[in-house]
Amino acid sequence: MFVSHGTDQAFETVRLLRIPAGSSARVTVQSETVEVVRTHWFGRQYACPGDGCPACECYQSRLTCFLVVTVFTGKVWVPNLLELTPAELSRVRFMLEWDAGEIVPGVVLHVSRKSARSGVRVEPQEVEGGQVLRSLSSREVLFNSVCRLLALPSAKEGEMPAAWQDRVRPFLVSRLQLAIEKMG
């Protein structure tokens, strides 16, 4: 999962970037798209299956945005999945004057968290300063990484998003029903 600066090896998934309270990181955007997921919280994040969701009837949900970034650790560039609220992503898009839905690989961002309860804060650093690794910019890496984070089956090769949703939906519903039962 580690990438040295300048390499362009292939990745299937990357792990979630964790920013501890009082810490920060300088990251380079790799994604060309954002994956937006509606989730429910029952001690951990669960993806919402949408229509007919057993959790939506009684529990709140939230939207979460994900994109692939690289973080320089001092020795190597490490690919990670950055999780943002829709409001924070909109704020960054506004500051960078990106069009709606646009993500520009290569932008360098400063990501920080003030406290354990606060969300991640993102500030643009350089508009075109970071190195882009083609193998990390694909939608497949982003999608498969979000699937891994939420413990969902990845898409099969050539599987369209609608077919994946149809295949995974029963799994999502049953997991949420179990989580709701455990909550009592």
N, C-alpha and C. Protein backbone atom coordinates (compact mmCIF):
# COMPACT_ATOMS: atom_id res chain seq x y z
N MET A 1 0.80 -1.19 0.00
CA MET A 1 0.00 0.00 0.00
C MET A 1 0.85 1.27 0.00
N PHE A 2 2.14 1.16 0.06
CA PHE A 2 2.98 2.35 0.08
C PHE A 2 3.49 2.66 -1.32
N VAL A 3 3.58 3.92 -1.62
CA VAL A 3 4.03 4.36 -2.92
C VAL A 3 5.19 5.32 -2.71
N SER A 4 6.32 5.05 -3.30
CA SER A 4 7.39 6.03 -3.21
C SER A 4 7.13 7.12 -4.24
N HIS A 5 7.59 8.31 -3.98
CA HIS A 5 7.36 9.45 -4.86
C HIS A 5 7.85 9.11 -6.27
N GLY A 6 6.95 9.26 -7.22
CA GLY A 6 7.34 9.02 -8.61
C GLY A 6 6.91 7.67 -9.15
N THR A 7 6.44 6.77 -8.30
CA THR A 7 5.99 5.46 -8.79
C THR A 7 4.55 5.56 -9.27
N ASP A 8 4.20 4.65 -10.13
CA ASP A 8 2.83 4.64 -10.62
C ASP A 8 2.31 3.21 -10.66
N GLN A 9 2.45 2.50 -9.53
CA GLN A 9 1.99 1.12 -9.48
C GLN A 9 0.48 1.08 -9.29
N ALA A 10 -0.11 -0.06 -9.58
CA ALA A 10 -1.57 -0.19 -9.53
C ALA A 10 -2.04 -0.47 -8.10
N PHE A 11 -3.18 0.08 -7.73
CA PHE A 11 -3.79 -0.14 -6.42
C PHE A 11 -5.23 -0.53 -6.62
N GLU A 12 -5.69 -1.45 -5.79
CA GLU A 12 -7.10 -1.82 -5.81
C GLU A 12 -7.87 -1.00 -4.81
N THR A 13 -7.31 -0.86 -3.59
CA THR A 13 -7.96 -0.07 -2.55
C THR A 13 -6.91 0.69 -1.75
N VAL A 14 -7.37 1.70 -1.04
CA VAL A 14 -6.50 2.45 -0.12
C VAL A 14 -7.26 2.61 1.19
N ARG A 15 -6.53 2.88 2.27
CA ARG A 15 -7.13 2.97 3.60
C ARG A 15 -7.55 4.40 3.94
N LEU A 16 -8.42 4.50 4.94
CA LEU A 16 -8.92 5.79 5.39
C LEU A 16 -7.82 6.59 6.07
N LEU A 17 -7.71 7.86 5.72
CA LEU A 17 -6.76 8.77 6.36
C LEU A 17 -7.33 9.18 7.71
N ARG A 18 -6.60 8.92 8.75
CA ARG A 18 -7.03 9.29 10.09
C ARG A 18 -6.20 10.50 10.54
N ILE A 19 -6.89 11.58 10.89
CA ILE A 19 -6.23 12.78 11.39
C ILE A 19 -6.56 12.88 12.88
N PRO A 20 -5.59 12.57 13.76
CA PRO A 20 -5.86 12.67 15.20
C PRO A 20 -6.09 14.12 15.62
N ALA A 21 -6.76 14.30 16.76
CA ALA A 21 -7.01 15.64 17.30
C ALA A 21 -5.71 16.40 17.45
N GLY A 22 -5.71 17.66 17.02
CA GLY A 22 -4.53 18.50 17.12
C GLY A 22 -3.48 18.24 16.06
N SER A 23 -3.80 17.41 15.08
CA SER A 23 -2.83 17.05 14.04
C SER A 23 -3.26 17.58 12.68
N SER A 24 -2.32 17.50 11.75
CA SER A 24 -2.63 17.90 10.37
C SER A 24 -1.78 17.09 9.41
N ALA A 25 -2.13 17.17 8.15
CA ALA A 25 -1.39 16.48 7.09
C ALA A 25 -1.49 17.30 5.82
N ARG A 26 -0.49 17.21 5.00
CA ARG A 26 -0.50 17.83 3.68
C ARG A 26 -0.76 16.71 2.69
N VAL A 27 -1.82 16.86 1.89
CA VAL A 27 -2.23 15.79 0.98
C VAL A 27 -2.32 16.33 -0.44
N THR A 28 -2.19 15.42 -1.39
CA THR A 28 -2.38 15.75 -2.80
C THR A 28 -3.57 14.98 -3.32
N VAL A 29 -4.53 15.69 -3.90
CA VAL A 29 -5.73 15.06 -4.45
C VAL A 29 -5.34 14.18 -5.64
N GLN A 30 -5.85 12.94 -5.64
CA GLN A 30 -5.61 12.00 -6.74
C GLN A 30 -6.88 11.70 -7.52
N SER A 31 -8.03 11.77 -6.86
CA SER A 31 -9.31 11.43 -7.48
C SER A 31 -9.72 12.42 -8.55
N GLU A 32 -10.44 11.90 -9.52
CA GLU A 32 -11.09 12.75 -10.52
C GLU A 32 -12.57 12.91 -10.20
N THR A 33 -13.07 12.10 -9.26
CA THR A 33 -14.46 12.14 -8.84
C THR A 33 -14.54 12.03 -7.32
N VAL A 34 -15.74 12.26 -6.80
CA VAL A 34 -16.02 12.09 -5.38
C VAL A 34 -17.08 10.99 -5.26
N GLU A 35 -16.94 10.15 -4.27
CA GLU A 35 -17.96 9.14 -3.99
C GLU A 35 -18.76 9.64 -2.80
N VAL A 36 -20.06 9.85 -2.98
CA VAL A 36 -20.93 10.33 -1.91
C VAL A 36 -21.78 9.16 -1.44
N VAL A 37 -21.77 8.91 -0.13
CA VAL A 37 -22.47 7.76 0.44
C VAL A 37 -23.36 8.23 1.59
N ARG A 38 -24.62 7.78 1.60
CA ARG A 38 -25.50 8.03 2.74
C ARG A 38 -25.26 6.90 3.73
N THR A 39 -25.02 7.28 5.00
CA THR A 39 -24.70 6.28 6.02
C THR A 39 -25.57 6.46 7.25
N HIS A 40 -25.64 5.38 8.04
CA HIS A 40 -26.27 5.38 9.37
C HIS A 40 -25.19 5.00 10.37
N TRP A 41 -25.35 5.45 11.62
CA TRP A 41 -24.36 5.14 12.65
C TRP A 41 -24.99 4.27 13.73
N PHE A 42 -24.45 3.07 13.89
CA PHE A 42 -24.85 2.15 14.95
C PHE A 42 -23.56 1.60 15.57
N GLY A 43 -22.78 2.48 16.20
CA GLY A 43 -21.49 2.07 16.74
C GLY A 43 -20.40 2.04 15.68
N ARG A 44 -20.79 2.06 14.45
CA ARG A 44 -19.92 2.14 13.28
C ARG A 44 -20.77 2.58 12.10
N GLN A 45 -20.11 2.95 11.01
CA GLN A 45 -20.84 3.41 9.82
C GLN A 45 -21.40 2.23 9.03
N TYR A 46 -22.65 2.37 8.63
CA TYR A 46 -23.29 1.41 7.73
C TYR A 46 -23.82 2.17 6.53
N ALA A 47 -23.60 1.63 5.35
CA ALA A 47 -24.14 2.26 4.13
C ALA A 47 -25.65 2.07 4.10
N CYS A 48 -26.35 3.11 3.67
CA CYS A 48 -27.80 3.07 3.55
C CYS A 48 -28.17 2.47 2.18
N PRO A 49 -29.08 1.49 2.16
CA PRO A 49 -29.47 0.90 0.87
C PRO A 49 -30.45 1.76 0.07
N GLY A 50 -30.96 2.85 0.66
CA GLY A 50 -31.88 3.71 -0.08
C GLY A 50 -33.33 3.34 0.20
N ASP A 51 -34.16 3.35 -0.83
CA ASP A 51 -35.60 3.08 -0.68
C ASP A 51 -35.84 1.82 0.13
N GLY A 52 -36.74 1.93 1.10
CA GLY A 52 -37.09 0.78 1.93
C GLY A 52 -36.06 0.46 3.00
N CYS A 53 -35.16 1.36 3.28
CA CYS A 53 -34.12 1.12 4.30
C CYS A 53 -34.77 1.00 5.67
N PRO A 54 -34.47 -0.07 6.42
CA PRO A 54 -35.08 -0.23 7.73
C PRO A 54 -34.63 0.82 8.74
N ALA A 55 -33.47 1.41 8.55
CA ALA A 55 -32.96 2.41 9.49
C ALA A 55 -33.55 3.79 9.23
N CYS A 56 -33.87 4.11 7.99
CA CYS A 56 -34.37 5.44 7.65
C CYS A 56 -35.70 5.76 8.31
N GLU A 57 -36.46 4.72 8.65
CA GLU A 57 -37.76 4.93 9.28
C GLU A 57 -37.65 5.56 10.66
N CYS A 58 -36.58 5.25 11.40
CA CYS A 58 -36.46 5.70 12.79
C CYS A 58 -35.16 6.42 13.13
N TYR A 59 -34.16 6.31 12.28
CA TYR A 59 -32.85 6.85 12.62
C TYR A 59 -32.37 7.83 11.56
N GLN A 60 -31.56 8.78 12.00
CA GLN A 60 -31.01 9.76 11.08
C GLN A 60 -29.92 9.14 10.22
N SER A 61 -29.71 9.76 9.07
CA SER A 61 -28.61 9.37 8.21
C SER A 61 -27.80 10.62 7.89
N ARG A 62 -26.63 10.43 7.33
CA ARG A 62 -25.83 11.57 6.90
C ARG A 62 -25.11 11.23 5.62
N LEU A 63 -24.78 12.26 4.86
CA LEU A 63 -24.00 12.09 3.65
C LEU A 63 -22.53 12.24 3.99
N THR A 64 -21.72 11.40 3.39
CA THR A 64 -20.28 11.45 3.57
C THR A 64 -19.64 11.43 2.19
N CYS A 65 -18.63 12.27 2.01
CA CYS A 65 -17.92 12.37 0.72
C CYS A 65 -16.52 11.77 0.88
N PHE A 66 -16.10 11.02 -0.12
CA PHE A 66 -14.78 10.40 -0.10
C PHE A 66 -14.02 10.74 -1.37
N LEU A 67 -12.69 10.94 -1.24
CA LEU A 67 -11.82 11.06 -2.40
C LEU A 67 -10.46 10.48 -2.05
N VAL A 68 -9.70 10.08 -3.06
CA VAL A 68 -8.38 9.49 -2.86
C VAL A 68 -7.34 10.61 -2.88
N VAL A 69 -6.45 10.56 -1.89
CA VAL A 69 -5.35 11.52 -1.77
C VAL A 69 -4.06 10.75 -1.50
N THR A 70 -2.93 11.43 -1.63
CA THR A 70 -1.66 10.86 -1.16
C THR A 70 -1.11 11.77 -0.07
N VAL A 71 -0.45 11.16 0.92
CA VAL A 71 0.15 11.89 2.04
C VAL A 71 1.63 11.57 2.05
N PHE A 72 2.47 12.60 2.14
CA PHE A 72 3.91 12.37 2.24
C PHE A 72 4.26 12.17 3.70
N THR A 73 4.81 11.01 4.04
CA THR A 73 5.12 10.67 5.44
C THR A 73 6.53 11.09 5.84
N GLY A 74 7.28 11.68 4.93
CA GLY A 74 8.67 12.02 5.20
C GLY A 74 9.61 11.12 4.43
N LYS A 75 9.13 9.93 4.09
CA LYS A 75 9.93 8.98 3.33
C LYS A 75 9.23 8.53 2.06
N VAL A 76 7.94 8.29 2.16
CA VAL A 76 7.16 7.78 1.02
C VAL A 76 5.84 8.51 0.89
N TRP A 77 5.25 8.42 -0.29
CA TRP A 77 3.89 8.91 -0.52
C TRP A 77 2.94 7.76 -0.26
N VAL A 78 1.98 7.96 0.62
CA VAL A 78 1.04 6.91 0.99
C VAL A 78 -0.35 7.29 0.48
N PRO A 79 -0.98 6.41 -0.31
CA PRO A 79 -2.34 6.70 -0.76
C PRO A 79 -3.34 6.46 0.37
N ASN A 80 -4.32 7.36 0.47
CA ASN A 80 -5.34 7.27 1.52
C ASN A 80 -6.69 7.71 0.97
N LEU A 81 -7.71 7.37 1.70
CA LEU A 81 -9.07 7.78 1.42
C LEU A 81 -9.40 8.92 2.38
N LEU A 82 -9.74 10.09 1.84
CA LEU A 82 -10.08 11.26 2.65
C LEU A 82 -11.60 11.34 2.78
N GLU A 83 -12.10 11.43 4.02
CA GLU A 83 -13.52 11.53 4.29
C GLU A 83 -13.85 12.97 4.66
N LEU A 84 -14.82 13.56 3.96
CA LEU A 84 -15.24 14.94 4.21
C LEU A 84 -16.75 15.03 4.32
N THR A 85 -17.23 16.03 5.04
CA THR A 85 -18.65 16.32 5.02
C THR A 85 -18.97 17.03 3.71
N PRO A 86 -20.21 16.98 3.25
CA PRO A 86 -20.57 17.72 2.04
C PRO A 86 -20.30 19.22 2.18
N ALA A 87 -20.52 19.77 3.38
CA ALA A 87 -20.28 21.20 3.59
C ALA A 87 -18.81 21.55 3.43
N GLU A 88 -17.93 20.70 3.95
CA GLU A 88 -16.48 20.97 3.84
C GLU A 88 -16.02 20.83 2.39
N LEU A 89 -16.54 19.84 1.68
CA LEU A 89 -16.19 19.69 0.28
C LEU A 89 -16.68 20.89 -0.52
N SER A 90 -17.87 21.37 -0.25
CA SER A 90 -18.41 22.55 -0.94
C SER A 90 -17.55 23.78 -0.65
N ARG A 91 -17.10 23.93 0.59
CA ARG A 91 -16.25 25.06 0.95
C ARG A 91 -14.94 25.03 0.17
N VAL A 92 -14.33 23.85 0.04
CA VAL A 92 -13.08 23.72 -0.71
C VAL A 92 -13.32 24.00 -2.19
N ARG A 93 -14.41 23.45 -2.73
CA ARG A 93 -14.74 23.71 -4.14
C ARG A 93 -14.92 25.20 -4.40
N PHE A 94 -15.56 25.90 -3.47
CA PHE A 94 -15.77 27.34 -3.62
C PHE A 94 -14.43 28.08 -3.61
N MET A 95 -13.57 27.74 -2.65
CA MET A 95 -12.27 28.42 -2.55
C MET A 95 -11.41 28.18 -3.78
N LEU A 96 -11.51 26.98 -4.36
CA LEU A 96 -10.70 26.66 -5.53
C LEU A 96 -11.39 27.02 -6.84
N GLU A 97 -12.63 27.53 -6.73
CA GLU A 97 -13.42 27.91 -7.90
C GLU A 97 -13.63 26.76 -8.86
N TRP A 98 -13.84 25.55 -8.29
CA TRP A 98 -14.16 24.39 -9.10
C TRP A 98 -15.63 24.46 -9.47
N ASP A 99 -15.96 23.98 -10.64
CA ASP A 99 -17.36 23.87 -11.04
C ASP A 99 -18.02 22.77 -10.21
N ALA A 100 -19.34 22.80 -10.15
CA ALA A 100 -20.07 21.77 -9.41
C ALA A 100 -19.70 20.39 -9.94
N GLY A 101 -19.38 19.50 -9.04
CA GLY A 101 -19.03 18.13 -9.43
C GLY A 101 -17.59 17.96 -9.86
N GLU A 102 -16.84 19.06 -9.99
CA GLU A 102 -15.47 18.97 -10.49
C GLU A 102 -14.49 18.71 -9.35
N ILE A 103 -13.55 17.84 -9.60
CA ILE A 103 -12.42 17.58 -8.72
C ILE A 103 -11.18 17.62 -9.61
N VAL A 104 -10.14 18.30 -9.16
CA VAL A 104 -8.93 18.44 -9.98
C VAL A 104 -7.77 17.73 -9.30
N PRO A 105 -7.31 16.61 -9.86
CA PRO A 105 -6.15 15.93 -9.30
C PRO A 105 -4.92 16.85 -9.33
N GLY A 106 -4.07 16.70 -8.31
CA GLY A 106 -2.84 17.48 -8.24
C GLY A 106 -2.92 18.64 -7.27
N VAL A 107 -4.12 19.00 -6.83
CA VAL A 107 -4.27 20.09 -5.86
C VAL A 107 -3.73 19.62 -4.51
N VAL A 108 -2.94 20.48 -3.86
CA VAL A 108 -2.38 20.17 -2.55
C VAL A 108 -3.25 20.84 -1.49
N LEU A 109 -3.64 20.05 -0.48
CA LEU A 109 -4.52 20.52 0.58
C LEU A 109 -3.87 20.32 1.95
N HIS A 110 -4.18 21.21 2.88
CA HIS A 110 -3.78 21.06 4.28
C HIS A 110 -5.01 20.57 5.03
N VAL A 111 -4.94 19.39 5.62
CA VAL A 111 -6.07 18.77 6.31
C VAL A 111 -5.75 18.75 7.80
N SER A 112 -6.67 19.24 8.63
CA SER A 112 -6.41 19.29 10.08
C SER A 112 -7.68 18.97 10.86
N ARG A 113 -7.47 18.66 12.14
CA ARG A 113 -8.58 18.41 13.06
C ARG A 113 -8.19 19.05 14.39
N LYS A 114 -9.04 19.95 14.92
CA LYS A 114 -8.73 20.64 16.18
C LYS A 114 -8.92 19.74 17.39
N SER A 115 -10.06 19.04 17.44
CA SER A 115 -10.35 18.20 18.60
C SER A 115 -10.94 16.87 18.13
N ALA A 116 -11.06 15.93 19.06
CA ALA A 116 -11.58 14.61 18.71
C ALA A 116 -13.02 14.68 18.21
N ARG A 117 -13.77 15.67 18.66
CA ARG A 117 -15.17 15.79 18.26
C ARG A 117 -15.37 16.69 17.04
N SER A 118 -14.36 17.40 16.65
CA SER A 118 -14.50 18.29 15.49
C SER A 118 -14.28 17.53 14.19
N GLY A 119 -14.85 18.07 13.14
CA GLY A 119 -14.66 17.47 11.83
C GLY A 119 -13.32 17.87 11.23
N VAL A 120 -13.02 17.27 10.12
CA VAL A 120 -11.78 17.59 9.40
C VAL A 120 -11.96 18.94 8.70
N ARG A 121 -10.94 19.77 8.77
CA ARG A 121 -10.93 21.07 8.11
C ARG A 121 -9.90 21.02 6.99
N VAL A 122 -10.27 21.54 5.82
CA VAL A 122 -9.38 21.47 4.66
C VAL A 122 -9.11 22.88 4.14
N GLU A 123 -7.84 23.18 3.89
CA GLU A 123 -7.44 24.47 3.33
C GLU A 123 -6.57 24.21 2.10
N PRO A 124 -6.91 24.82 0.97
CA PRO A 124 -6.06 24.67 -0.22
C PRO A 124 -4.67 25.26 0.01
N GLN A 125 -3.64 24.58 -0.49
CA GLN A 125 -2.26 25.04 -0.37
C GLN A 125 -1.69 25.44 -1.73
N GLU A 126 -1.77 24.52 -2.68
CA GLU A 126 -1.25 24.76 -4.03
C GLU A 126 -2.27 24.24 -5.03
N VAL A 127 -2.51 25.02 -6.07
CA VAL A 127 -3.52 24.63 -7.05
C VAL A 127 -3.02 23.52 -7.98
N GLU A 128 -1.75 23.51 -8.32
CA GLU A 128 -1.24 22.49 -9.25
C GLU A 128 0.10 21.93 -8.80
N GLY A 129 0.37 21.93 -7.51
CA GLY A 129 1.71 21.58 -7.04
C GLY A 129 1.99 20.11 -6.83
N GLY A 130 0.97 19.28 -6.69
CA GLY A 130 1.19 17.89 -6.33
C GLY A 130 1.32 16.96 -7.51
N GLN A 131 2.01 15.86 -7.26
CA GLN A 131 2.18 14.85 -8.29
C GLN A 131 0.95 13.94 -8.33
N VAL A 132 0.46 13.67 -9.53
CA VAL A 132 -0.70 12.81 -9.72
C VAL A 132 -0.23 11.43 -10.17
N LEU A 133 -0.72 10.42 -9.49
CA LEU A 133 -0.42 9.03 -9.86
C LEU A 133 -1.63 8.48 -10.59
N ARG A 134 -1.48 8.21 -11.87
CA ARG A 134 -2.62 7.77 -12.70
C ARG A 134 -3.35 6.58 -12.10
N SER A 135 -2.61 5.67 -11.49
CA SER A 135 -3.23 4.46 -10.95
C SER A 135 -4.16 4.75 -9.78
N LEU A 136 -4.06 5.93 -9.17
CA LEU A 136 -4.93 6.28 -8.05
C LEU A 136 -6.11 7.14 -8.46
N SER A 137 -6.10 7.66 -9.68
CA SER A 137 -7.15 8.60 -10.08
C SER A 137 -8.40 7.90 -10.61
N SER A 138 -8.33 6.59 -10.81
CA SER A 138 -9.48 5.89 -11.38
C SER A 138 -10.63 5.81 -10.39
N ARG A 139 -11.83 5.80 -10.92
CA ARG A 139 -13.03 5.68 -10.09
C ARG A 139 -13.06 4.33 -9.38
N GLU A 140 -12.48 3.30 -9.99
CA GLU A 140 -12.48 1.96 -9.40
C GLU A 140 -11.74 1.94 -8.07
N VAL A 141 -10.58 2.62 -8.00
CA VAL A 141 -9.83 2.65 -6.75
C VAL A 141 -10.66 3.34 -5.67
N LEU A 142 -11.28 4.46 -6.00
CA LEU A 142 -12.11 5.18 -5.04
C LEU A 142 -13.29 4.32 -4.60
N PHE A 143 -14.02 3.77 -5.54
CA PHE A 143 -15.21 2.97 -5.24
C PHE A 143 -14.85 1.75 -4.40
N ASN A 144 -13.82 1.01 -4.82
CA ASN A 144 -13.42 -0.19 -4.08
C ASN A 144 -12.90 0.14 -2.68
N SER A 145 -12.27 1.31 -2.52
CA SER A 145 -11.79 1.73 -1.21
C SER A 145 -12.95 2.04 -0.27
N VAL A 146 -13.97 2.71 -0.79
CA VAL A 146 -15.16 2.99 0.02
C VAL A 146 -15.86 1.68 0.38
N CYS A 147 -15.96 0.77 -0.57
CA CYS A 147 -16.54 -0.55 -0.28
C CYS A 147 -15.78 -1.25 0.84
N ARG A 148 -14.47 -1.22 0.77
CA ARG A 148 -13.64 -1.86 1.80
C ARG A 148 -13.87 -1.20 3.16
N LEU A 149 -13.89 0.13 3.19
CA LEU A 149 -14.09 0.87 4.43
C LEU A 149 -15.42 0.50 5.08
N LEU A 150 -16.47 0.40 4.28
CA LEU A 150 -17.81 0.10 4.79
C LEU A 150 -18.12 -1.39 4.82
N ALA A 151 -17.11 -2.22 4.60
CA ALA A 151 -17.24 -3.69 4.62
C ALA A 151 -18.30 -4.16 3.63
N LEU A 152 -18.24 -3.64 2.42
CA LEU A 152 -19.17 -4.03 1.35
C LEU A 152 -18.43 -4.81 0.28
N PRO A 153 -19.13 -5.66 -0.45
CA PRO A 153 -18.50 -6.34 -1.58
C PRO A 153 -18.11 -5.32 -2.65
N SER A 154 -16.95 -5.50 -3.24
CA SER A 154 -16.52 -4.63 -4.34
C SER A 154 -17.31 -4.97 -5.60
N ALA A 155 -17.27 -4.05 -6.53
CA ALA A 155 -17.91 -4.31 -7.82
C ALA A 155 -17.11 -5.38 -8.56
N LYS A 156 -17.82 -6.22 -9.26
CA LYS A 156 -17.15 -7.22 -10.09
C LYS A 156 -16.66 -6.53 -11.35
N GLU A 157 -15.66 -7.11 -11.98
CA GLU A 157 -15.11 -6.51 -13.19
C GLU A 157 -16.19 -6.31 -14.25
N GLY A 158 -16.32 -5.07 -14.72
CA GLY A 158 -17.30 -4.73 -15.74
C GLY A 158 -18.71 -4.52 -15.22
N GLU A 159 -18.93 -4.67 -13.91
CA GLU A 159 -20.26 -4.52 -13.33
C GLU A 159 -20.66 -3.04 -13.28
N MET A 160 -21.83 -2.74 -13.77
CA MET A 160 -22.35 -1.37 -13.77
C MET A 160 -22.84 -1.02 -12.36
N PRO A 161 -22.81 0.28 -11.99
CA PRO A 161 -23.24 0.68 -10.65
C PRO A 161 -24.64 0.20 -10.28
N ALA A 162 -25.59 0.27 -11.19
CA ALA A 162 -26.96 -0.17 -10.88
C ALA A 162 -27.00 -1.68 -10.58
N ALA A 163 -26.24 -2.46 -11.33
CA ALA A 163 -26.19 -3.90 -11.10
C ALA A 163 -25.53 -4.20 -9.75
N TRP A 164 -24.49 -3.45 -9.41
CA TRP A 164 -23.84 -3.62 -8.11
C TRP A 164 -24.83 -3.31 -6.99
N GLN A 165 -25.58 -2.21 -7.10
CA GLN A 165 -26.56 -1.85 -6.08
C GLN A 165 -27.62 -2.94 -5.91
N ASP A 166 -28.11 -3.48 -7.01
CA ASP A 166 -29.10 -4.55 -6.95
C ASP A 166 -28.53 -5.78 -6.25
N ARG A 167 -27.27 -6.09 -6.54
CA ARG A 167 -26.63 -7.27 -5.96
C ARG A 167 -26.37 -7.09 -4.46
N VAL A 168 -25.98 -5.90 -4.05
CA VAL A 168 -25.55 -5.65 -2.67
C VAL A 168 -26.71 -5.23 -1.75
N ARG A 169 -27.79 -4.74 -2.32
CA ARG A 169 -28.90 -4.22 -1.53
C ARG A 169 -29.42 -5.19 -0.46
N PRO A 170 -29.70 -6.46 -0.76
CA PRO A 170 -30.17 -7.38 0.28
C PRO A 170 -29.17 -7.52 1.44
N PHE A 171 -27.92 -7.51 1.11
CA PHE A 171 -26.85 -7.58 2.12
C PHE A 171 -26.91 -6.36 3.03
N LEU A 172 -27.06 -5.16 2.44
CA LEU A 172 -27.14 -3.92 3.23
C LEU A 172 -28.34 -3.93 4.16
N VAL A 173 -29.49 -4.32 3.64
CA VAL A 173 -30.73 -4.36 4.43
C VAL A 173 -30.57 -5.31 5.62
N SER A 174 -30.04 -6.50 5.38
CA SER A 174 -29.91 -7.47 6.47
C SER A 174 -28.90 -7.00 7.52
N ARG A 175 -27.82 -6.36 7.11
CA ARG A 175 -26.84 -5.83 8.07
C ARG A 175 -27.45 -4.74 8.93
N LEU A 176 -28.23 -3.86 8.31
CA LEU A 176 -28.87 -2.79 9.08
C LEU A 176 -29.92 -3.34 10.03
N GLN A 177 -30.67 -4.34 9.60
CA GLN A 177 -31.67 -4.95 10.49
C GLN A 177 -30.99 -5.54 11.73
N LEU A 178 -29.85 -6.21 11.54
CA LEU A 178 -29.09 -6.76 12.66
C LEU A 178 -28.59 -5.66 13.58
N ALA A 179 -28.09 -4.57 13.02
CA ALA A 179 -27.58 -3.45 13.81
C ALA A 179 -28.69 -2.81 14.63
N ILE A 180 -29.88 -2.67 14.04
CA ILE A 180 -31.04 -2.08 14.73
C ILE A 180 -31.46 -3.00 15.88
N GLU A 181 -31.49 -4.32 15.63
CA GLU A 181 -31.86 -5.27 16.69
C GLU A 181 -30.89 -5.20 17.86
N LYS A 182 -29.61 -5.05 17.58
CA LYS A 182 -28.60 -4.96 18.65
C LYS A 182 -28.78 -3.69 19.48
N MET A 183 -29.27 -2.61 18.83
CA MET A 183 -29.50 -1.36 19.55
C MET A 183 -30.67 -1.49 20.54
N GLY A 184 -31.54 -2.49 20.28
CA GLY A 184 -32.67 -2.75 21.16
C GLY A 184 -33.81 -1.90 20.90
